[in-house]
Amino acid sequence: MDNNTKKVLDIIRSPSNGMRHKNAVIIDIKDKDMSYLHLTGGAQNSIMQWLQGYHKDDISEVPMDKVKDHTGNKFVCLAEPEKRYWSGVVEWSTNFGTHEWWQHDDIMEWFPHFDRYTLRYSEQIDQVQNVTEWIKIDREFSFKMENMIKKHDLNLKWEFPWVRPRYKRVPWVTKIYEEIVPKFKTVVNESTELQKKLEEYLAPDYDHYIKAV
C-alpha cells in the first residue's frame, strides 16, 4: 500500500470525517414557492448548474437546525435506486484510485453506506416536510424539469442543462467505473449476505421511487 492510500484510509476512518453524514440539504429559492431537496447522486450537478446559472443571487442553503421545520414545497429528483447506488460506489471509489478498498474489513463494516454518494436517499427525504414534486431521472428528465420550472415560475431561458456524470467524461474516473467497481460488484453478487443487505438497504428508496414520474 502506498503512502497516499494509507493517508486516505486514515482520513476516512477518522471519527471526525464528515463523509458519512446523513443530514438533509434544502436549497431555498428566494420569493418562489419551490425549494430543492439536494440528494447526492440525484442529478445534482445538472440542477445546481441550472440554479447557479439562473438563480445565482436567489439561492441559499437552509441551516441544518431549520431543515426539520421547513414547511415550503420541495422538488426532488430520483434515479432508479440500485443504478444510483452503483454510480455512488464509483464516486466513493475515486477516493482510492485503483486500490481495492473492500479488502479492508473495517471499511466493509460500513456496507452498504460508505459515504454521501452511497447514502440511500430515503434517509434524507424522510427528514423533511412537503415534498410535492417527485421527478424521475430518465430520458425525459430535462423535459420534466423544464415543465416543473415553468409551472413554478422559475427562471430558464434555454434548455435545461444536462451535466454528464464524471464516469462518462473524466478519463481516470471512467477507468475506475470500468475496471475497479465491477470487481466490487462481483464481490457483492457472489455473497448472499451482502446481496441481502443491499436489497434491504435500498427497499425504502423504492417506496419513494414509485412516487416519481
N, C-alpha and C. Protein backbone atom coordinates (compact mmCIF):
# COMPACT_ATOMS: atom_id res chain seq x y z
N MET A 1 0.84 -1.19 0.00
CA MET A 1 0.00 0.00 0.00
C MET A 1 0.88 1.25 0.00
N ASP A 2 0.61 2.18 -0.92
CA ASP A 2 1.42 3.39 -0.97
C ASP A 2 0.98 4.36 0.12
N ASN A 3 1.82 5.37 0.36
CA ASN A 3 1.57 6.32 1.44
C ASN A 3 0.29 7.13 1.22
N ASN A 4 0.01 7.48 -0.05
CA ASN A 4 -1.19 8.26 -0.33
C ASN A 4 -2.45 7.49 0.04
N THR A 5 -2.47 6.19 -0.31
CA THR A 5 -3.63 5.37 0.02
C THR A 5 -3.79 5.25 1.53
N LYS A 6 -2.67 5.08 2.21
CA LYS A 6 -2.72 4.99 3.68
C LYS A 6 -3.29 6.27 4.28
N LYS A 7 -2.89 7.43 3.75
CA LYS A 7 -3.39 8.70 4.26
C LYS A 7 -4.90 8.80 4.03
N VAL A 8 -5.35 8.37 2.84
CA VAL A 8 -6.78 8.41 2.53
C VAL A 8 -7.56 7.52 3.50
N LEU A 9 -7.07 6.31 3.73
CA LEU A 9 -7.73 5.39 4.65
C LEU A 9 -7.79 5.97 6.06
N ASP A 10 -6.71 6.62 6.49
CA ASP A 10 -6.68 7.21 7.82
C ASP A 10 -7.72 8.32 7.95
N ILE A 11 -7.86 9.13 6.90
CA ILE A 11 -8.84 10.22 6.91
C ILE A 11 -10.26 9.66 6.96
N ILE A 12 -10.52 8.66 6.13
CA ILE A 12 -11.86 8.09 6.05
C ILE A 12 -12.25 7.38 7.34
N ARG A 13 -11.29 6.75 7.98
CA ARG A 13 -11.57 6.05 9.23
C ARG A 13 -11.72 6.99 10.41
N SER A 14 -11.30 8.21 10.27
CA SER A 14 -11.32 9.16 11.37
C SER A 14 -12.75 9.46 11.82
N PRO A 15 -13.00 9.49 13.13
CA PRO A 15 -14.34 9.82 13.64
C PRO A 15 -14.81 11.21 13.22
N SER A 16 -13.87 12.10 12.92
CA SER A 16 -14.23 13.47 12.54
C SER A 16 -14.58 13.60 11.06
N ASN A 17 -14.44 12.53 10.31
CA ASN A 17 -14.74 12.56 8.89
C ASN A 17 -16.24 12.78 8.66
N GLY A 18 -16.58 13.78 7.86
CA GLY A 18 -17.98 14.11 7.63
C GLY A 18 -18.59 13.46 6.41
N MET A 19 -17.88 12.56 5.76
CA MET A 19 -18.36 11.97 4.52
C MET A 19 -19.62 11.12 4.70
N ARG A 20 -19.85 10.65 5.94
CA ARG A 20 -20.97 9.75 6.18
C ARG A 20 -22.17 10.46 6.82
N HIS A 21 -22.13 11.76 6.89
CA HIS A 21 -23.26 12.49 7.47
C HIS A 21 -24.55 12.22 6.70
N LYS A 22 -25.66 12.19 7.41
CA LYS A 22 -26.95 11.85 6.80
C LYS A 22 -27.92 13.02 6.77
N ASN A 23 -27.46 14.21 7.10
CA ASN A 23 -28.35 15.35 7.17
C ASN A 23 -28.93 15.71 5.80
N ALA A 24 -30.19 16.11 5.80
CA ALA A 24 -30.83 16.58 4.57
C ALA A 24 -30.36 17.99 4.25
N VAL A 25 -30.30 18.31 2.95
CA VAL A 25 -29.88 19.63 2.49
C VAL A 25 -30.98 20.22 1.62
N ILE A 26 -31.46 21.39 2.01
CA ILE A 26 -32.50 22.08 1.27
C ILE A 26 -31.94 23.38 0.72
N ILE A 27 -32.16 23.61 -0.57
CA ILE A 27 -31.77 24.85 -1.22
C ILE A 27 -33.02 25.68 -1.46
N ASP A 28 -33.12 26.82 -0.77
CA ASP A 28 -34.25 27.73 -0.95
C ASP A 28 -34.03 28.61 -2.17
N ILE A 29 -35.12 28.95 -2.85
CA ILE A 29 -35.08 29.90 -3.95
C ILE A 29 -35.92 31.11 -3.54
N LYS A 30 -35.30 32.24 -3.37
CA LYS A 30 -35.94 33.44 -2.83
C LYS A 30 -37.20 33.82 -3.60
N ASP A 31 -38.26 34.09 -2.84
CA ASP A 31 -39.53 34.59 -3.38
C ASP A 31 -40.22 33.60 -4.31
N LYS A 32 -39.88 32.33 -4.22
CA LYS A 32 -40.54 31.31 -5.03
C LYS A 32 -41.20 30.29 -4.10
N ASP A 33 -42.19 29.56 -4.64
CA ASP A 33 -42.93 28.61 -3.82
C ASP A 33 -42.34 27.21 -3.87
N MET A 34 -41.10 27.10 -4.35
CA MET A 34 -40.48 25.78 -4.50
C MET A 34 -39.02 25.83 -4.05
N SER A 35 -38.62 24.81 -3.27
CA SER A 35 -37.24 24.63 -2.85
C SER A 35 -36.74 23.30 -3.39
N TYR A 36 -35.43 23.13 -3.34
CA TYR A 36 -34.80 21.92 -3.88
C TYR A 36 -34.24 21.07 -2.74
N LEU A 37 -34.68 19.82 -2.65
CA LEU A 37 -34.08 18.88 -1.72
C LEU A 37 -32.91 18.23 -2.43
N HIS A 38 -31.72 18.61 -2.03
CA HIS A 38 -30.48 18.21 -2.69
C HIS A 38 -30.10 16.79 -2.28
N LEU A 39 -30.16 15.87 -3.23
CA LEU A 39 -29.76 14.49 -2.99
C LEU A 39 -28.50 14.19 -3.78
N THR A 40 -27.44 13.83 -3.09
CA THR A 40 -26.21 13.47 -3.79
C THR A 40 -26.48 12.27 -4.71
N GLY A 41 -26.12 12.42 -5.97
CA GLY A 41 -26.37 11.35 -6.93
C GLY A 41 -27.69 11.50 -7.65
N GLY A 42 -28.49 12.50 -7.28
CA GLY A 42 -29.78 12.72 -7.92
C GLY A 42 -29.73 13.81 -8.96
N ALA A 43 -28.81 13.70 -9.93
CA ALA A 43 -28.63 14.72 -10.99
C ALA A 43 -28.31 16.08 -10.40
N GLN A 44 -27.65 16.07 -9.22
CA GLN A 44 -27.42 17.33 -8.53
C GLN A 44 -26.52 18.28 -9.30
N ASN A 45 -25.61 17.76 -10.11
CA ASN A 45 -24.73 18.65 -10.86
C ASN A 45 -25.51 19.45 -11.91
N SER A 46 -26.46 18.78 -12.56
CA SER A 46 -27.29 19.48 -13.54
C SER A 46 -28.17 20.52 -12.86
N ILE A 47 -28.77 20.13 -11.75
CA ILE A 47 -29.69 21.04 -11.05
C ILE A 47 -28.94 22.25 -10.51
N MET A 48 -27.78 22.01 -9.92
CA MET A 48 -27.03 23.13 -9.37
C MET A 48 -26.49 24.04 -10.48
N GLN A 49 -26.16 23.49 -11.63
CA GLN A 49 -25.72 24.34 -12.74
C GLN A 49 -26.87 25.23 -13.19
N TRP A 50 -28.08 24.67 -13.24
CA TRP A 50 -29.25 25.48 -13.58
C TRP A 50 -29.49 26.56 -12.52
N LEU A 51 -29.50 26.18 -11.25
CA LEU A 51 -29.77 27.15 -10.19
C LEU A 51 -28.71 28.26 -10.15
N GLN A 52 -27.46 27.88 -10.29
CA GLN A 52 -26.39 28.88 -10.24
C GLN A 52 -26.37 29.75 -11.50
N GLY A 53 -26.89 29.20 -12.59
CA GLY A 53 -26.93 29.97 -13.83
C GLY A 53 -28.10 30.93 -13.90
N TYR A 54 -29.25 30.56 -13.29
CA TYR A 54 -30.47 31.35 -13.42
C TYR A 54 -31.01 31.92 -12.11
N HIS A 55 -30.50 31.42 -10.98
CA HIS A 55 -30.96 31.92 -9.68
C HIS A 55 -29.78 32.15 -8.74
N LYS A 56 -28.65 32.52 -9.30
CA LYS A 56 -27.42 32.63 -8.52
C LYS A 56 -27.57 33.49 -7.28
N ASP A 57 -28.26 34.62 -7.40
CA ASP A 57 -28.40 35.55 -6.28
C ASP A 57 -29.63 35.27 -5.43
N ASP A 58 -30.37 34.22 -5.78
CA ASP A 58 -31.63 33.93 -5.09
C ASP A 58 -31.57 32.70 -4.20
N ILE A 59 -30.51 31.88 -4.33
CA ILE A 59 -30.50 30.60 -3.62
C ILE A 59 -29.69 30.68 -2.33
N SER A 60 -30.14 29.91 -1.36
CA SER A 60 -29.44 29.83 -0.08
C SER A 60 -29.75 28.47 0.55
N GLU A 61 -28.77 27.95 1.28
CA GLU A 61 -28.97 26.67 1.95
C GLU A 61 -29.65 26.90 3.29
N VAL A 62 -30.68 26.12 3.55
CA VAL A 62 -31.40 26.22 4.82
C VAL A 62 -30.49 25.70 5.94
N PRO A 63 -30.32 26.45 7.03
CA PRO A 63 -29.48 25.98 8.13
C PRO A 63 -29.92 24.60 8.61
N MET A 64 -28.97 23.78 9.01
CA MET A 64 -29.25 22.40 9.38
C MET A 64 -30.31 22.29 10.47
N ASP A 65 -30.28 23.22 11.43
CA ASP A 65 -31.23 23.15 12.54
C ASP A 65 -32.62 23.66 12.17
N LYS A 66 -32.78 24.15 10.93
CA LYS A 66 -34.08 24.64 10.46
C LYS A 66 -34.73 23.69 9.45
N VAL A 67 -33.99 22.68 9.02
CA VAL A 67 -34.46 21.79 7.96
C VAL A 67 -35.75 21.08 8.36
N LYS A 68 -35.79 20.53 9.56
CA LYS A 68 -36.94 19.75 10.01
C LYS A 68 -38.23 20.55 9.99
N ASP A 69 -38.14 21.84 10.29
CA ASP A 69 -39.33 22.69 10.39
C ASP A 69 -39.60 23.50 9.13
N HIS A 70 -38.83 23.25 8.08
CA HIS A 70 -39.02 23.99 6.82
C HIS A 70 -40.30 23.47 6.15
N THR A 71 -41.28 24.35 5.99
CA THR A 71 -42.60 23.93 5.51
C THR A 71 -42.84 24.21 4.03
N GLY A 72 -41.89 24.83 3.36
CA GLY A 72 -42.09 25.16 1.95
C GLY A 72 -42.16 23.93 1.06
N ASN A 73 -42.79 24.07 -0.09
CA ASN A 73 -42.85 22.98 -1.06
C ASN A 73 -41.45 22.65 -1.59
N LYS A 74 -41.24 21.40 -1.91
CA LYS A 74 -39.91 20.97 -2.35
C LYS A 74 -40.03 20.04 -3.56
N PHE A 75 -39.02 20.11 -4.44
CA PHE A 75 -38.93 19.11 -5.50
C PHE A 75 -37.71 18.24 -5.25
N VAL A 76 -37.83 17.00 -5.70
CA VAL A 76 -36.74 16.04 -5.53
C VAL A 76 -36.62 15.22 -6.81
N CYS A 77 -35.39 14.86 -7.15
CA CYS A 77 -35.13 14.11 -8.38
C CYS A 77 -34.53 12.76 -8.02
N LEU A 78 -35.17 11.70 -8.51
CA LEU A 78 -34.81 10.35 -8.09
C LEU A 78 -34.38 9.47 -9.26
N ALA A 79 -33.19 8.90 -9.12
CA ALA A 79 -32.73 7.89 -10.07
C ALA A 79 -33.18 6.51 -9.58
N GLU A 80 -33.19 5.53 -10.47
CA GLU A 80 -33.52 4.16 -10.05
C GLU A 80 -32.54 3.78 -8.95
N PRO A 81 -33.04 3.32 -7.79
CA PRO A 81 -32.18 3.19 -6.61
C PRO A 81 -30.92 2.36 -6.77
N GLU A 82 -31.03 1.19 -7.39
CA GLU A 82 -29.82 0.37 -7.49
C GLU A 82 -28.82 0.99 -8.46
N LYS A 83 -29.31 1.52 -9.56
CA LYS A 83 -28.42 2.19 -10.51
C LYS A 83 -27.73 3.37 -9.84
N ARG A 84 -28.50 4.13 -9.08
CA ARG A 84 -27.95 5.28 -8.38
C ARG A 84 -26.91 4.83 -7.35
N TYR A 85 -27.17 3.70 -6.68
CA TYR A 85 -26.23 3.20 -5.68
C TYR A 85 -24.88 2.89 -6.31
N TRP A 86 -24.89 2.19 -7.44
CA TRP A 86 -23.62 1.80 -8.07
C TRP A 86 -22.89 3.00 -8.66
N SER A 87 -23.64 4.00 -9.09
CA SER A 87 -22.99 5.24 -9.51
C SER A 87 -22.31 5.90 -8.31
N GLY A 88 -22.94 5.77 -7.15
CA GLY A 88 -22.34 6.29 -5.94
C GLY A 88 -21.08 5.56 -5.54
N VAL A 89 -21.06 4.26 -5.78
CA VAL A 89 -19.87 3.46 -5.49
C VAL A 89 -18.70 3.92 -6.37
N VAL A 90 -19.01 4.33 -7.60
CA VAL A 90 -17.95 4.87 -8.47
C VAL A 90 -17.31 6.08 -7.80
N GLU A 91 -18.15 7.02 -7.33
CA GLU A 91 -17.63 8.23 -6.71
C GLU A 91 -16.87 7.91 -5.42
N TRP A 92 -17.40 7.02 -4.62
CA TRP A 92 -16.71 6.60 -3.40
C TRP A 92 -15.34 6.02 -3.74
N SER A 93 -15.28 5.21 -4.78
CA SER A 93 -14.04 4.54 -5.15
C SER A 93 -12.98 5.51 -5.65
N THR A 94 -13.40 6.70 -6.10
CA THR A 94 -12.41 7.67 -6.58
C THR A 94 -11.50 8.14 -5.46
N ASN A 95 -11.90 7.92 -4.21
CA ASN A 95 -11.03 8.27 -3.09
C ASN A 95 -9.77 7.42 -3.06
N PHE A 96 -9.83 6.23 -3.68
CA PHE A 96 -8.77 5.24 -3.55
C PHE A 96 -8.03 4.95 -4.85
N GLY A 97 -8.47 5.55 -5.96
CA GLY A 97 -7.84 5.24 -7.24
C GLY A 97 -8.08 3.78 -7.60
N THR A 98 -7.00 3.05 -7.86
CA THR A 98 -7.13 1.63 -8.25
C THR A 98 -6.99 0.68 -7.05
N HIS A 99 -6.87 1.24 -5.85
CA HIS A 99 -6.74 0.39 -4.66
C HIS A 99 -8.07 -0.31 -4.38
N GLU A 100 -8.03 -1.60 -4.10
CA GLU A 100 -9.24 -2.39 -3.85
C GLU A 100 -9.64 -2.24 -2.38
N TRP A 101 -10.32 -1.17 -2.08
CA TRP A 101 -10.64 -0.75 -0.72
C TRP A 101 -11.49 -1.75 0.05
N TRP A 102 -12.28 -2.56 -0.65
CA TRP A 102 -13.16 -3.52 0.01
C TRP A 102 -12.39 -4.65 0.72
N GLN A 103 -11.09 -4.70 0.53
CA GLN A 103 -10.27 -5.70 1.22
C GLN A 103 -10.05 -5.32 2.70
N HIS A 104 -10.44 -4.11 3.08
CA HIS A 104 -10.25 -3.65 4.45
C HIS A 104 -11.54 -3.91 5.24
N ASP A 105 -11.47 -4.82 6.19
CA ASP A 105 -12.66 -5.24 6.93
C ASP A 105 -13.32 -4.08 7.66
N ASP A 106 -12.53 -3.15 8.19
CA ASP A 106 -13.13 -2.05 8.95
C ASP A 106 -13.89 -1.09 8.05
N ILE A 107 -13.55 -1.04 6.78
CA ILE A 107 -14.31 -0.25 5.81
C ILE A 107 -15.58 -1.01 5.41
N MET A 108 -15.44 -2.30 5.18
CA MET A 108 -16.59 -3.11 4.76
C MET A 108 -17.64 -3.25 5.87
N GLU A 109 -17.26 -2.97 7.10
CA GLU A 109 -18.25 -2.97 8.19
C GLU A 109 -19.33 -1.93 7.94
N TRP A 110 -19.02 -0.90 7.14
CA TRP A 110 -19.98 0.16 6.86
C TRP A 110 -20.98 -0.23 5.77
N PHE A 111 -20.67 -1.22 4.98
CA PHE A 111 -21.52 -1.61 3.85
C PHE A 111 -22.99 -1.72 4.28
N PRO A 112 -23.91 -1.17 3.49
CA PRO A 112 -23.76 -0.55 2.16
C PRO A 112 -23.48 0.96 2.18
N HIS A 113 -23.61 1.61 3.34
CA HIS A 113 -23.45 3.07 3.38
C HIS A 113 -22.01 3.43 3.69
N PHE A 114 -21.28 3.85 2.64
CA PHE A 114 -19.89 4.24 2.81
C PHE A 114 -19.73 5.76 2.96
N ASP A 115 -20.53 6.52 2.19
CA ASP A 115 -20.42 7.98 2.22
C ASP A 115 -21.71 8.60 1.70
N ARG A 116 -21.68 9.92 1.44
CA ARG A 116 -22.90 10.60 0.97
C ARG A 116 -23.37 10.06 -0.39
N TYR A 117 -22.44 9.60 -1.20
CA TYR A 117 -22.82 9.12 -2.52
C TYR A 117 -23.53 7.78 -2.46
N THR A 118 -23.31 7.01 -1.40
CA THR A 118 -23.98 5.72 -1.27
C THR A 118 -25.06 5.73 -0.19
N LEU A 119 -25.33 6.91 0.39
CA LEU A 119 -26.40 7.03 1.36
C LEU A 119 -27.74 6.90 0.64
N ARG A 120 -28.60 6.03 1.13
CA ARG A 120 -29.91 5.90 0.50
C ARG A 120 -30.68 7.20 0.67
N TYR A 121 -31.32 7.64 -0.41
CA TYR A 121 -31.92 8.96 -0.35
C TYR A 121 -33.18 9.02 0.50
N SER A 122 -33.75 7.86 0.84
CA SER A 122 -34.92 7.86 1.72
C SER A 122 -34.60 8.47 3.08
N GLU A 123 -33.35 8.30 3.55
CA GLU A 123 -32.99 8.83 4.87
C GLU A 123 -33.02 10.36 4.89
N GLN A 124 -32.76 10.98 3.75
CA GLN A 124 -32.83 12.43 3.68
C GLN A 124 -34.26 12.90 3.40
N ILE A 125 -34.97 12.19 2.54
CA ILE A 125 -36.35 12.56 2.23
C ILE A 125 -37.21 12.51 3.48
N ASP A 126 -36.99 11.49 4.30
CA ASP A 126 -37.82 11.31 5.49
C ASP A 126 -37.56 12.36 6.58
N GLN A 127 -36.55 13.19 6.39
CA GLN A 127 -36.26 14.25 7.36
C GLN A 127 -37.02 15.54 7.09
N VAL A 128 -37.68 15.62 5.92
CA VAL A 128 -38.26 16.90 5.52
C VAL A 128 -39.77 16.81 5.32
N GLN A 129 -40.39 17.98 5.25
CA GLN A 129 -41.83 18.08 5.00
C GLN A 129 -42.09 18.55 3.57
N ASN A 130 -43.27 18.23 3.10
CA ASN A 130 -43.83 18.83 1.88
C ASN A 130 -42.99 18.65 0.63
N VAL A 131 -42.60 17.42 0.34
CA VAL A 131 -42.05 17.13 -0.99
C VAL A 131 -43.26 16.98 -1.91
N THR A 132 -43.41 17.91 -2.83
CA THR A 132 -44.62 17.94 -3.68
C THR A 132 -44.34 17.59 -5.13
N GLU A 133 -43.08 17.68 -5.54
CA GLU A 133 -42.73 17.35 -6.92
C GLU A 133 -41.71 16.21 -6.90
N TRP A 134 -42.11 15.06 -7.45
CA TRP A 134 -41.25 13.87 -7.49
C TRP A 134 -40.88 13.61 -8.94
N ILE A 135 -39.62 13.84 -9.29
CA ILE A 135 -39.20 13.79 -10.70
C ILE A 135 -38.25 12.61 -10.91
N LYS A 136 -38.64 11.73 -11.79
CA LYS A 136 -37.83 10.55 -12.10
C LYS A 136 -36.73 10.92 -13.10
N ILE A 137 -35.52 10.49 -12.81
CA ILE A 137 -34.40 10.76 -13.71
C ILE A 137 -34.36 9.67 -14.77
N ASP A 138 -34.75 10.04 -15.98
CA ASP A 138 -34.74 9.11 -17.11
C ASP A 138 -34.48 9.91 -18.37
N ARG A 139 -34.80 9.37 -19.52
CA ARG A 139 -34.51 10.05 -20.78
C ARG A 139 -35.32 11.33 -20.95
N GLU A 140 -36.43 11.44 -20.24
CA GLU A 140 -37.28 12.63 -20.34
C GLU A 140 -37.01 13.63 -19.22
N PHE A 141 -35.92 13.42 -18.48
CA PHE A 141 -35.66 14.23 -17.30
C PHE A 141 -35.59 15.73 -17.61
N SER A 142 -34.85 16.11 -18.63
CA SER A 142 -34.71 17.53 -18.96
C SER A 142 -36.07 18.15 -19.29
N PHE A 143 -36.87 17.42 -20.05
CA PHE A 143 -38.21 17.90 -20.41
C PHE A 143 -39.07 18.07 -19.16
N LYS A 144 -38.99 17.12 -18.23
CA LYS A 144 -39.78 17.21 -17.00
C LYS A 144 -39.32 18.36 -16.11
N MET A 145 -38.02 18.59 -16.08
CA MET A 145 -37.51 19.72 -15.32
C MET A 145 -37.99 21.04 -15.92
N GLU A 146 -37.98 21.14 -17.23
CA GLU A 146 -38.44 22.36 -17.89
C GLU A 146 -39.91 22.63 -17.57
N ASN A 147 -40.72 21.57 -17.54
CA ASN A 147 -42.13 21.74 -17.19
C ASN A 147 -42.31 22.18 -15.73
N MET A 148 -41.51 21.60 -14.83
CA MET A 148 -41.58 21.98 -13.42
C MET A 148 -41.16 23.44 -13.23
N ILE A 149 -40.11 23.84 -13.93
CA ILE A 149 -39.61 25.22 -13.85
C ILE A 149 -40.68 26.20 -14.32
N LYS A 150 -41.32 25.87 -15.42
CA LYS A 150 -42.38 26.74 -15.94
C LYS A 150 -43.57 26.78 -15.00
N LYS A 151 -43.95 25.65 -14.47
CA LYS A 151 -45.10 25.55 -13.57
C LYS A 151 -44.94 26.43 -12.34
N HIS A 152 -43.73 26.53 -11.82
CA HIS A 152 -43.50 27.27 -10.58
C HIS A 152 -42.85 28.64 -10.83
N ASP A 153 -42.91 29.09 -12.08
CA ASP A 153 -42.43 30.43 -12.44
C ASP A 153 -40.97 30.62 -12.04
N LEU A 154 -40.16 29.60 -12.28
CA LEU A 154 -38.72 29.69 -12.06
C LEU A 154 -38.05 30.13 -13.35
N ASN A 155 -36.76 30.41 -13.29
CA ASN A 155 -36.07 31.00 -14.42
C ASN A 155 -35.35 29.96 -15.28
N LEU A 156 -35.55 30.03 -16.56
CA LEU A 156 -34.82 29.21 -17.53
C LEU A 156 -35.04 29.82 -18.91
N LYS A 157 -33.96 30.26 -19.53
CA LYS A 157 -34.07 30.91 -20.84
C LYS A 157 -33.98 29.90 -21.97
N TRP A 158 -33.05 28.95 -21.82
CA TRP A 158 -32.86 27.95 -22.86
C TRP A 158 -33.22 26.57 -22.33
N GLU A 159 -32.66 25.53 -22.91
CA GLU A 159 -32.94 24.18 -22.46
C GLU A 159 -32.31 23.93 -21.09
N PHE A 160 -32.92 23.02 -20.34
CA PHE A 160 -32.35 22.64 -19.04
C PHE A 160 -30.99 21.97 -19.27
N PRO A 161 -29.95 22.39 -18.53
CA PRO A 161 -28.61 21.83 -18.76
C PRO A 161 -28.50 20.39 -18.25
N TRP A 162 -27.82 19.56 -18.99
CA TRP A 162 -27.58 18.19 -18.56
C TRP A 162 -26.07 18.00 -18.41
N VAL A 163 -25.61 17.77 -17.18
CA VAL A 163 -24.20 17.54 -16.91
C VAL A 163 -23.97 16.04 -16.81
N ARG A 164 -23.18 15.52 -17.70
CA ARG A 164 -22.93 14.07 -17.71
C ARG A 164 -22.17 13.67 -16.45
N PRO A 165 -22.44 12.48 -15.91
CA PRO A 165 -21.69 12.03 -14.73
C PRO A 165 -20.20 11.93 -15.01
N ARG A 166 -19.41 12.05 -13.97
CA ARG A 166 -17.95 12.07 -14.14
C ARG A 166 -17.43 10.83 -14.82
N TYR A 167 -18.03 9.68 -14.56
CA TYR A 167 -17.50 8.45 -15.15
C TYR A 167 -17.71 8.38 -16.66
N LYS A 168 -18.47 9.35 -17.21
CA LYS A 168 -18.66 9.41 -18.66
C LYS A 168 -17.85 10.53 -19.32
N ARG A 169 -17.15 11.34 -18.51
CA ARG A 169 -16.43 12.47 -19.10
C ARG A 169 -15.03 12.70 -18.54
N VAL A 170 -14.67 12.02 -17.44
CA VAL A 170 -13.35 12.19 -16.85
C VAL A 170 -12.60 10.86 -16.97
N PRO A 171 -11.53 10.80 -17.77
CA PRO A 171 -10.88 9.52 -18.09
C PRO A 171 -10.50 8.67 -16.88
N TRP A 172 -9.91 9.26 -15.84
CA TRP A 172 -9.47 8.43 -14.73
C TRP A 172 -10.64 7.90 -13.92
N VAL A 173 -11.78 8.63 -13.93
CA VAL A 173 -12.99 8.14 -13.28
C VAL A 173 -13.62 7.04 -14.14
N THR A 174 -13.56 7.21 -15.45
CA THR A 174 -14.04 6.17 -16.35
C THR A 174 -13.30 4.86 -16.12
N LYS A 175 -12.01 4.96 -15.88
CA LYS A 175 -11.20 3.76 -15.61
C LYS A 175 -11.68 3.05 -14.35
N ILE A 176 -11.97 3.82 -13.31
CA ILE A 176 -12.49 3.24 -12.07
C ILE A 176 -13.85 2.58 -12.33
N TYR A 177 -14.69 3.25 -13.10
CA TYR A 177 -16.01 2.73 -13.45
C TYR A 177 -15.91 1.41 -14.21
N GLU A 178 -14.95 1.34 -15.11
CA GLU A 178 -14.83 0.16 -15.98
C GLU A 178 -14.01 -0.97 -15.38
N GLU A 179 -13.04 -0.64 -14.52
CA GLU A 179 -12.10 -1.67 -14.05
C GLU A 179 -12.20 -1.99 -12.57
N ILE A 180 -12.48 -1.01 -11.74
CA ILE A 180 -12.45 -1.22 -10.29
C ILE A 180 -13.82 -1.59 -9.74
N VAL A 181 -14.83 -0.79 -10.05
CA VAL A 181 -16.16 -1.04 -9.50
C VAL A 181 -16.71 -2.41 -9.89
N PRO A 182 -16.52 -2.90 -11.13
CA PRO A 182 -17.00 -4.24 -11.45
C PRO A 182 -16.43 -5.33 -10.54
N LYS A 183 -15.22 -5.14 -10.06
CA LYS A 183 -14.63 -6.11 -9.14
C LYS A 183 -15.40 -6.14 -7.82
N PHE A 184 -15.74 -4.95 -7.31
CA PHE A 184 -16.50 -4.91 -6.08
C PHE A 184 -17.92 -5.43 -6.29
N LYS A 185 -18.48 -5.15 -7.45
CA LYS A 185 -19.83 -5.64 -7.76
C LYS A 185 -19.84 -7.16 -7.76
N THR A 186 -18.77 -7.76 -8.24
CA THR A 186 -18.67 -9.23 -8.23
C THR A 186 -18.61 -9.74 -6.80
N VAL A 187 -17.87 -9.05 -5.95
CA VAL A 187 -17.79 -9.44 -4.53
C VAL A 187 -19.19 -9.45 -3.92
N VAL A 188 -19.97 -8.42 -4.19
CA VAL A 188 -21.33 -8.33 -3.65
C VAL A 188 -22.23 -9.41 -4.24
N ASN A 189 -22.17 -9.59 -5.56
CA ASN A 189 -23.05 -10.54 -6.22
C ASN A 189 -22.76 -11.99 -5.84
N GLU A 190 -21.54 -12.26 -5.41
CA GLU A 190 -21.16 -13.62 -5.04
C GLU A 190 -21.40 -13.90 -3.55
N SER A 191 -21.90 -12.92 -2.83
CA SER A 191 -22.17 -13.08 -1.40
C SER A 191 -23.67 -12.94 -1.14
N THR A 192 -24.30 -13.99 -0.68
CA THR A 192 -25.73 -13.93 -0.35
C THR A 192 -25.98 -12.91 0.75
N GLU A 193 -25.07 -12.85 1.72
CA GLU A 193 -25.22 -11.92 2.83
C GLU A 193 -25.18 -10.47 2.37
N LEU A 194 -24.20 -10.14 1.51
CA LEU A 194 -24.09 -8.77 1.03
C LEU A 194 -25.25 -8.40 0.12
N GLN A 195 -25.67 -9.33 -0.71
CA GLN A 195 -26.81 -9.08 -1.58
C GLN A 195 -28.05 -8.75 -0.76
N LYS A 196 -28.29 -9.53 0.29
CA LYS A 196 -29.46 -9.31 1.13
C LYS A 196 -29.38 -7.96 1.83
N LYS A 197 -28.20 -7.62 2.33
CA LYS A 197 -28.02 -6.32 2.99
C LYS A 197 -28.34 -5.18 2.05
N LEU A 198 -27.85 -5.28 0.80
CA LEU A 198 -28.08 -4.21 -0.16
C LEU A 198 -29.56 -4.10 -0.53
N GLU A 199 -30.21 -5.23 -0.73
CA GLU A 199 -31.63 -5.22 -1.05
C GLU A 199 -32.45 -4.59 0.07
N GLU A 200 -32.15 -4.97 1.30
CA GLU A 200 -32.88 -4.41 2.44
C GLU A 200 -32.59 -2.92 2.60
N TYR A 201 -31.37 -2.55 2.33
CA TYR A 201 -30.95 -1.15 2.45
C TYR A 201 -31.69 -0.27 1.45
N LEU A 202 -31.86 -0.75 0.22
CA LEU A 202 -32.45 0.06 -0.83
C LEU A 202 -33.98 0.00 -0.86
N ALA A 203 -34.58 -0.94 -0.13
CA ALA A 203 -36.03 -1.10 -0.17
C ALA A 203 -36.79 0.20 0.12
N PRO A 204 -36.41 0.98 1.15
CA PRO A 204 -37.14 2.24 1.40
C PRO A 204 -37.02 3.25 0.26
N ASP A 205 -35.93 3.19 -0.50
CA ASP A 205 -35.77 4.09 -1.64
C ASP A 205 -36.79 3.77 -2.72
N TYR A 206 -37.07 2.48 -2.92
CA TYR A 206 -38.06 2.11 -3.93
C TYR A 206 -39.45 2.58 -3.53
N ASP A 207 -39.73 2.65 -2.23
CA ASP A 207 -41.03 3.16 -1.77
C ASP A 207 -41.22 4.61 -2.22
N HIS A 208 -40.13 5.37 -2.26
CA HIS A 208 -40.21 6.76 -2.74
C HIS A 208 -40.13 6.83 -4.26
N TYR A 209 -39.34 5.96 -4.84
CA TYR A 209 -39.12 6.00 -6.30
C TYR A 209 -40.42 5.82 -7.08
N ILE A 210 -41.34 5.00 -6.53
CA ILE A 210 -42.59 4.76 -7.24
C ILE A 210 -43.48 6.00 -7.27
N LYS A 211 -43.16 7.00 -6.45
CA LYS A 211 -43.93 8.26 -6.46
C LYS A 211 -43.48 9.16 -7.60
N ALA A 212 -42.28 8.92 -8.11
CA ALA A 212 -41.70 9.81 -9.12
C ALA A 212 -42.27 9.52 -10.50
N VAL A 213 -42.43 10.58 -11.27
CA VAL A 213 -42.97 10.43 -12.64
C VAL A 213 -42.07 11.20 -13.62
